Amino acid sequence: MSRDESAAMKAILMREPGTPDVLYYGDAPRPVPGPGEVLIRVHATSVNRPDIVQREGNYPPPAGESEILGLEVAGVIEAVAGDVRDWRPGDRVMTLVGGGGYAEYAKTRADLLMRIPEGMDFETAACVCETYITAYLNVFMLGGLRDGETALLHGGGGGVNTAALLLCRALAPAARLIVTASPGKEDRLKALGAQHVIDYRATPDFAAEIKTITNKKGADLILDHIGARYLAPNMNSLAAGGRLVIIGVMSGIKAELNLALMMVKRQQIIGSVLRSRPAAEKAAIVKEFAARALPVIADGRAKPIVEKVFPLAQAAQAHALMEAGGIFGKIVLTV
């Protein structure tokens, strides 16, 4: 084998930004770990909504990160940089990556690694980092959800929403959980811990229903990825002292806000992304997540839900499935 051949790997590449059919299975250079980094032989990765946005040309990777799609991987450490002390080749790990997950090999910072719990397979582990850390960060670390409070979670059966439901049930079992979803998901969402499910198609302005459910108090925490279209009903649904955490802008980026009412009700609006945070911040988030949330995932109380598994070469079909809607849980790519 030539040196060039030994340094190559299979990956999902893009001809240009666009629809799922711009993706193809091809050859790419194998990444080389730098100081503080490890190289992972990827066994599984997953499809996340930011992958779709990046494929469309609207979410470029942070400077210095791989242009290849994919924000999380599960696999086995292949090599470590000389200054990495706590990890060694052969360790089973799962981790966030700034990009490059849709490939046979990916590199990441050693301080973002978590050991895959005993008994957990790679497909399940590939569902943990992006959606569960996003849910934990925004519901608990930023949103400050406590037992006895009410949370409104938008997103139906999506990966972040199902992760948030499962983490709430395990970490804040006395919280009241309200979910907006498309029709047909009510029973499955209630099985995950939702006390109330609102059909957002039948009730586009959900604020009145939130007031009825909460006896006019409103929700203490709202987790939203819709953005502009939901700003007004979200604020009308928010309790005094409530927190609205915005993690996506699927419906647009601009909307009007009644600042006086927000001030009188002492409400907070928190914007949040995970991918572009400084490395030290992400490492601190991962450390807290591993200590508090990972145990309830490992023991099965908040086990990820896998909707469908595709081989890596069928990433385009996996993207099309996510875009079609109706999924419940995560879509996994095996490598």
Protein backbone atom coordinates (compact mmCIF):
# COMPACT_ATOMS: atom_id res chain seq x y z
CA MET A 1 0.00 0.00 0.00
CA SER A 2 1.35 3.41 -0.92
CA ARG A 3 1.67 6.20 1.58
CA ASP A 4 -1.17 8.12 -0.10
CA GLU A 5 -3.48 5.09 -0.04
CA SER A 6 -2.76 4.39 3.63
CA ALA A 7 -3.66 8.00 4.50
CA ALA A 8 -7.02 7.92 2.70
CA MET A 9 -10.43 7.05 4.12
CA LYS A 10 -14.02 6.79 2.97
CA ALA A 11 -16.32 9.67 3.82
CA ILE A 12 -19.50 11.43 2.77
CA LEU A 13 -18.60 14.40 0.58
CA MET A 14 -20.63 17.17 -1.08
CA ARG A 15 -20.49 18.26 -4.72
CA GLU A 16 -22.02 21.60 -3.75
CA PRO A 17 -24.58 22.93 -1.27
CA GLY A 18 -28.08 21.68 -1.99
CA THR A 19 -30.54 18.81 -1.61
CA PRO A 20 -29.61 15.36 -0.29
CA ASP A 21 -28.50 14.16 -3.72
CA VAL A 22 -25.41 16.41 -3.55
CA LEU A 23 -23.96 13.94 -1.03
CA TYR A 24 -21.74 11.11 -2.25
CA TYR A 25 -19.52 8.39 -0.80
CA GLY A 26 -15.91 9.02 -1.74
CA ASP A 27 -12.30 9.28 -0.67
CA ALA A 28 -10.91 11.94 1.66
CA PRO A 29 -7.61 12.47 3.49
CA ARG A 30 -7.47 10.81 6.88
CA PRO A 31 -7.22 13.45 9.62
CA VAL A 32 -4.04 13.71 11.68
CA PRO A 33 -4.42 14.49 15.40
CA GLY A 34 -2.63 17.59 16.63
CA PRO A 35 -1.58 18.45 20.18
CA GLY A 36 -4.22 17.44 22.72
CA GLU A 37 -6.17 15.44 20.12
CA VAL A 38 -6.99 11.82 19.35
CA LEU A 39 -7.87 9.98 16.14
CA ILE A 40 -10.98 7.80 16.33
CA ARG A 41 -11.89 4.86 14.09
CA VAL A 42 -15.58 5.68 13.70
CA HIS A 43 -18.08 2.86 14.14
CA ALA A 44 -21.22 4.99 14.11
CA THR A 45 -22.34 8.58 13.76
CA SER A 46 -25.76 10.21 13.59
CA VAL A 47 -27.75 12.68 11.53
CA ASN A 48 -28.58 15.96 13.26
CA ARG A 49 -30.57 18.95 12.06
CA PRO A 50 -27.42 21.15 11.80
CA ASP A 51 -26.08 18.63 9.25
CA ILE A 52 -29.05 19.43 7.03
CA VAL A 53 -28.48 23.17 7.42
CA GLN A 54 -24.76 22.79 6.64
CA ARG A 55 -25.53 20.67 3.57
CA GLU A 56 -27.78 23.47 2.35
CA GLY A 57 -24.89 25.91 2.66
CA ASN A 58 -26.18 27.82 5.68
CA TYR A 59 -24.05 26.53 8.58
CA PRO A 60 -20.32 26.51 7.81
CA PRO A 61 -18.05 24.69 10.26
CA PRO A 62 -15.99 26.75 12.70
CA ALA A 63 -12.54 27.79 11.54
CA GLY A 64 -10.13 24.89 11.48
CA GLU A 65 -12.79 22.17 11.61
CA SER A 66 -13.45 19.58 8.92
CA GLU A 67 -15.79 20.49 6.05
CA ILE A 68 -17.19 16.95 6.20
CA LEU A 69 -20.61 16.71 7.83
CA GLY A 70 -21.18 15.10 11.23
CA LEU A 71 -21.09 16.49 14.76
CA GLU A 72 -20.74 13.35 16.90
CA VAL A 73 -19.12 9.94 16.66
CA ALA A 74 -18.76 6.71 18.56
CA GLY A 75 -15.84 4.40 17.98
CA VAL A 76 -12.42 3.23 19.10
CA ILE A 77 -9.33 5.39 19.58
CA GLU A 78 -6.86 4.69 16.80
CA ALA A 79 -4.05 7.03 17.86
CA VAL A 80 -3.33 9.77 20.39
CA ALA A 81 -1.10 12.83 20.28
CA GLY A 82 2.07 12.66 22.33
CA ASP A 83 0.73 14.99 25.02
CA VAL A 84 -2.49 13.00 25.66
CA ARG A 85 -2.17 11.07 28.91
CA ASP A 86 -5.61 9.79 29.95
CA TRP A 87 -6.58 7.98 26.75
CA ARG A 88 -4.94 5.23 24.71
CA PRO A 89 -5.56 3.30 21.49
CA GLY A 90 -8.34 0.75 21.86
CA ASP A 91 -10.50 2.79 24.25
CA ARG A 92 -14.20 2.81 23.32
CA VAL A 93 -15.31 6.44 23.21
CA MET A 94 -18.07 8.80 22.12
CA THR A 95 -17.54 12.48 21.50
CA LEU A 96 -18.53 15.74 19.92
CA VAL A 97 -16.60 16.76 16.82
CA GLY A 98 -16.56 20.18 15.20
CA GLY A 99 -17.07 18.42 11.86
CA GLY A 100 -15.96 15.24 10.11
CA GLY A 101 -18.27 12.67 11.70
CA TYR A 102 -19.49 11.16 8.40
CA ALA A 103 -16.22 9.33 7.81
CA GLU A 104 -14.18 6.27 8.70
CA TYR A 105 -11.90 8.36 10.91
CA ALA A 106 -12.42 11.56 12.85
CA LYS A 107 -10.28 13.59 15.21
CA THR A 108 -11.28 15.52 18.31
CA ARG A 109 -9.88 17.10 21.44
CA ALA A 110 -9.15 14.59 24.20
CA ASP A 111 -11.00 16.71 26.75
CA LEU A 112 -14.27 16.19 24.82
CA LEU A 113 -14.13 12.39 25.04
CA MET A 114 -16.45 10.23 27.14
CA ARG A 115 -16.09 6.50 27.65
CA ILE A 116 -18.88 4.44 26.18
CA PRO A 117 -20.63 2.81 29.17
CA GLU A 118 -20.29 -0.94 29.57
CA GLY A 119 -22.98 -2.74 27.60
CA MET A 120 -23.81 0.20 25.31
CA ASP A 121 -23.38 -0.46 21.58
CA PHE A 122 -21.85 2.00 19.15
CA GLU A 123 -25.17 2.82 17.47
CA THR A 124 -26.68 3.95 20.77
CA ALA A 125 -23.52 5.79 21.80
CA ALA A 126 -23.59 7.72 18.53
CA CYS A 127 -26.90 9.28 19.63
CA VAL A 128 -25.66 10.72 22.92
CA CYS A 129 -23.31 13.62 22.42
CA GLU A 130 -24.96 16.18 20.14
CA THR A 131 -28.62 15.89 21.14
CA TYR A 132 -28.27 14.88 24.79
CA ILE A 133 -25.59 17.44 25.57
CA THR A 134 -27.66 20.07 23.74
CA ALA A 135 -30.73 19.11 25.77
CA TYR A 136 -28.87 19.04 29.07
CA LEU A 137 -27.04 22.31 28.44
CA ASN A 138 -30.16 24.23 27.52
CA VAL A 139 -32.75 22.70 29.83
CA PHE A 140 -30.64 22.35 32.96
CA MET A 141 -27.41 24.37 32.77
CA LEU A 142 -28.86 27.46 31.04
CA GLY A 143 -32.60 26.98 31.54
CA GLY A 144 -32.22 25.96 35.19
CA LEU A 145 -35.23 23.61 35.22
CA ARG A 146 -36.08 22.46 38.73
CA ASP A 147 -38.47 19.87 40.13
CA GLY A 148 -41.99 21.22 40.33
CA GLU A 149 -41.56 23.67 37.43
CA THR A 150 -43.30 23.48 34.06
CA ALA A 151 -41.36 23.07 30.81
CA LEU A 152 -42.67 23.56 27.28
CA LEU A 153 -40.56 21.60 24.81
CA HIS A 154 -41.02 22.20 21.10
CA GLY A 155 -39.93 19.58 18.64
CA GLY A 156 -42.23 16.55 18.91
CA GLY A 157 -40.25 13.37 18.34
CA GLY A 158 -36.98 14.97 17.24
CA GLY A 159 -33.68 13.95 18.74
CA VAL A 160 -33.17 16.94 21.04
CA ASN A 161 -36.78 16.88 22.22
CA THR A 162 -36.85 13.16 23.03
CA ALA A 163 -33.50 13.54 24.80
CA ALA A 164 -34.88 16.49 26.80
CA LEU A 165 -37.98 14.52 27.81
CA LEU A 166 -35.95 11.54 28.97
CA LEU A 167 -33.45 13.68 30.88
CA CYS A 168 -36.27 15.65 32.54
CA ARG A 169 -37.99 12.46 33.62
CA ALA A 170 -34.75 11.17 35.14
CA LEU A 171 -33.28 14.38 36.61
CA ALA A 172 -36.39 16.43 37.44
CA PRO A 173 -39.13 13.80 37.90
CA ALA A 174 -41.58 16.26 39.48
CA ALA A 175 -41.43 18.72 36.57
CA ARG A 176 -44.54 19.12 34.42
CA LEU A 177 -43.66 18.53 30.76
CA ILE A 178 -45.66 19.94 27.83
CA VAL A 179 -44.69 19.12 24.26
CA THR A 180 -45.77 20.47 20.88
CA ALA A 181 -45.79 17.85 18.14
CA SER A 182 -47.32 16.80 14.84
CA PRO A 183 -50.30 14.41 14.96
CA GLY A 184 -49.76 10.75 15.74
CA LYS A 185 -47.00 11.09 18.33
CA GLU A 186 -49.03 11.72 21.48
CA ASP A 187 -48.90 8.19 22.91
CA ARG A 188 -45.15 7.80 22.36
CA LEU A 189 -44.39 11.22 23.84
CA LYS A 190 -46.52 10.52 26.90
CA ALA A 191 -44.68 7.23 27.34
CA LEU A 192 -41.46 9.28 27.57
CA GLY A 193 -42.87 11.51 30.29
CA ALA A 194 -44.89 14.27 28.61
CA GLN A 195 -48.04 15.07 30.61
CA HIS A 196 -49.57 17.17 27.82
CA VAL A 197 -49.07 17.05 24.05
CA ILE A 198 -50.28 19.93 21.85
CA ASP A 199 -50.87 19.35 18.12
CA TYR A 200 -49.09 22.40 16.69
CA ARG A 201 -50.83 22.06 13.34
CA ALA A 202 -54.27 22.28 14.91
CA THR A 203 -53.14 24.87 17.49
CA PRO A 204 -50.57 27.21 15.85
CA ASP A 205 -51.06 29.78 18.63
CA PHE A 206 -50.52 27.49 21.59
CA ALA A 207 -50.33 30.20 24.27
CA ALA A 208 -54.00 29.95 25.26
CA GLU A 209 -53.67 26.21 25.77
CA ILE A 210 -50.53 26.66 27.86
CA LYS A 211 -52.41 29.12 30.08
CA THR A 212 -55.25 26.61 30.51
CA ILE A 213 -52.91 23.74 31.35
CA THR A 214 -50.95 25.84 33.88
CA ASN A 215 -53.98 27.63 35.39
CA LYS A 216 -52.81 30.94 33.84
CA LYS A 217 -49.31 30.74 35.35
CA GLY A 218 -47.43 29.85 32.17
CA ALA A 219 -44.33 27.75 31.58
CA ASP A 220 -41.19 28.31 33.64
CA LEU A 221 -38.93 27.10 30.81
CA ILE A 222 -39.44 26.94 27.05
CA LEU A 223 -36.99 25.15 24.73
CA ASP A 224 -37.48 26.39 21.17
CA HIS A 225 -35.85 25.69 17.80
CA ILE A 226 -38.48 27.37 15.61
CA GLY A 227 -37.42 30.98 16.12
CA ALA A 228 -39.22 34.02 14.72
CA ARG A 229 -42.71 32.59 14.19
CA TYR A 230 -42.85 31.27 17.75
CA LEU A 231 -41.46 34.30 19.57
CA ALA A 232 -44.80 35.96 20.33
CA PRO A 233 -46.67 32.80 21.44
CA ASN A 234 -43.61 31.70 23.42
CA MET A 235 -43.47 34.97 25.33
CA ASN A 236 -47.23 34.82 25.92
CA SER A 237 -46.77 31.29 27.25
CA LEU A 238 -43.90 32.19 29.57
CA ALA A 239 -44.49 32.58 33.30
CA ALA A 240 -43.23 35.49 35.37
CA GLY A 241 -39.53 34.83 35.88
CA GLY A 242 -39.60 32.28 33.06
CA ARG A 243 -36.75 31.44 30.71
CA LEU A 244 -37.03 31.06 26.92
CA VAL A 245 -34.01 29.22 25.48
CA ILE A 246 -33.73 29.51 21.69
CA ILE A 247 -31.58 26.86 20.00
CA GLY A 248 -32.75 27.19 16.38
CA VAL A 249 -34.36 29.56 13.90
CA MET A 250 -36.16 27.28 11.45
CA SER A 251 -38.92 29.85 10.83
CA GLY A 252 -36.72 32.93 10.54
CA ILE A 253 -34.46 35.23 12.53
CA LYS A 254 -36.46 38.45 13.01
CA ALA A 255 -39.59 39.11 15.10
CA GLU A 256 -41.06 41.87 17.26
CA LEU A 257 -40.74 41.73 21.03
CA ASN A 258 -42.69 43.58 23.72
CA LEU A 259 -39.76 44.65 25.88
CA ALA A 260 -41.92 46.36 28.51
CA LEU A 261 -43.91 43.19 29.20
CA MET A 262 -40.72 41.13 29.34
CA MET A 263 -39.29 43.54 31.90
CA VAL A 264 -42.42 43.60 34.05
CA LYS A 265 -42.61 39.80 34.05
CA ARG A 266 -38.83 39.46 34.65
CA GLN A 267 -38.51 37.03 31.77
CA GLN A 268 -35.26 35.92 30.16
CA ILE A 269 -34.48 35.10 26.54
CA ILE A 270 -31.35 33.01 26.14
CA GLY A 271 -29.73 32.27 22.79
CA SER A 272 -27.60 29.14 22.64
CA VAL A 273 -25.46 27.12 20.25
CA LEU A 274 -23.04 24.32 21.08
CA ARG A 275 -20.81 23.82 18.05
CA SER A 276 -19.14 27.24 17.93
CA ARG A 277 -18.43 27.59 21.66
CA PRO A 278 -14.78 27.95 22.70
CA ALA A 279 -13.06 24.62 23.29
CA ALA A 280 -12.66 25.18 27.03
CA GLU A 281 -16.38 25.91 27.40
CA LYS A 282 -17.33 22.75 25.52
CA ALA A 283 -14.95 20.71 27.66
CA ALA A 284 -16.54 22.08 30.85
CA ILE A 285 -20.03 21.29 29.54
CA VAL A 286 -18.98 17.74 28.64
CA LYS A 287 -17.45 17.26 32.10
CA GLU A 288 -20.67 18.29 33.88
CA PHE A 289 -22.81 16.27 31.48
CA ALA A 290 -20.68 13.16 32.06
CA ALA A 291 -21.00 13.54 35.83
CA ARG A 292 -24.72 14.26 36.08
CA ALA A 293 -26.51 13.07 32.93
CA LEU A 294 -24.46 10.20 31.53
CA PRO A 295 -25.23 7.89 34.49
CA VAL A 296 -28.99 8.00 33.78
CA ILE A 297 -28.32 7.23 30.13
CA ALA A 298 -26.00 4.36 31.01
CA ASP A 299 -28.47 2.73 33.39
CA GLY A 300 -31.29 2.89 30.85
CA ARG A 301 -33.46 5.57 32.43
CA ALA A 302 -32.74 7.97 29.56
CA LYS A 303 -31.65 5.58 26.82
CA PRO A 304 -31.58 7.13 23.32
CA ILE A 305 -34.33 6.22 20.88
CA VAL A 306 -33.12 5.09 17.46
CA GLU A 307 -35.58 5.61 14.61
CA LYS A 308 -33.53 4.01 11.82
CA VAL A 309 -29.99 2.87 11.02
CA PHE A 310 -28.36 3.39 7.60
CA PRO A 311 -24.90 2.45 6.35
CA LEU A 312 -22.71 5.52 5.91
CA ALA A 313 -22.86 5.25 2.12
CA GLN A 314 -26.64 5.90 2.33
CA ALA A 315 -26.29 9.26 4.08
CA ALA A 316 -28.34 10.94 1.33
CA GLN A 317 -31.28 8.63 2.07
CA ALA A 318 -30.89 9.34 5.79
CA HIS A 319 -31.04 13.10 5.12
CA ALA A 320 -34.12 12.68 2.95
CA LEU A 321 -35.83 10.75 5.74
CA MET A 322 -35.11 13.49 8.28
CA GLU A 323 -36.36 16.17 5.91
CA ALA A 324 -39.56 14.24 5.21
CA GLY A 325 -40.46 14.56 8.91
CA GLY A 326 -42.35 12.13 11.06
CA ILE A 327 -39.27 10.55 12.64
CA PHE A 328 -39.16 9.73 16.32
CA GLY A 329 -35.72 9.76 17.87
CA LYS A 330 -32.40 9.56 16.07
CA ILE A 331 -31.15 8.47 12.65
CA VAL A 332 -27.83 6.59 12.87
CA LEU A 333 -25.15 5.97 10.24
CA THR A 334 -22.94 2.93 10.73
CA VAL A 335 -19.40 2.97 9.38
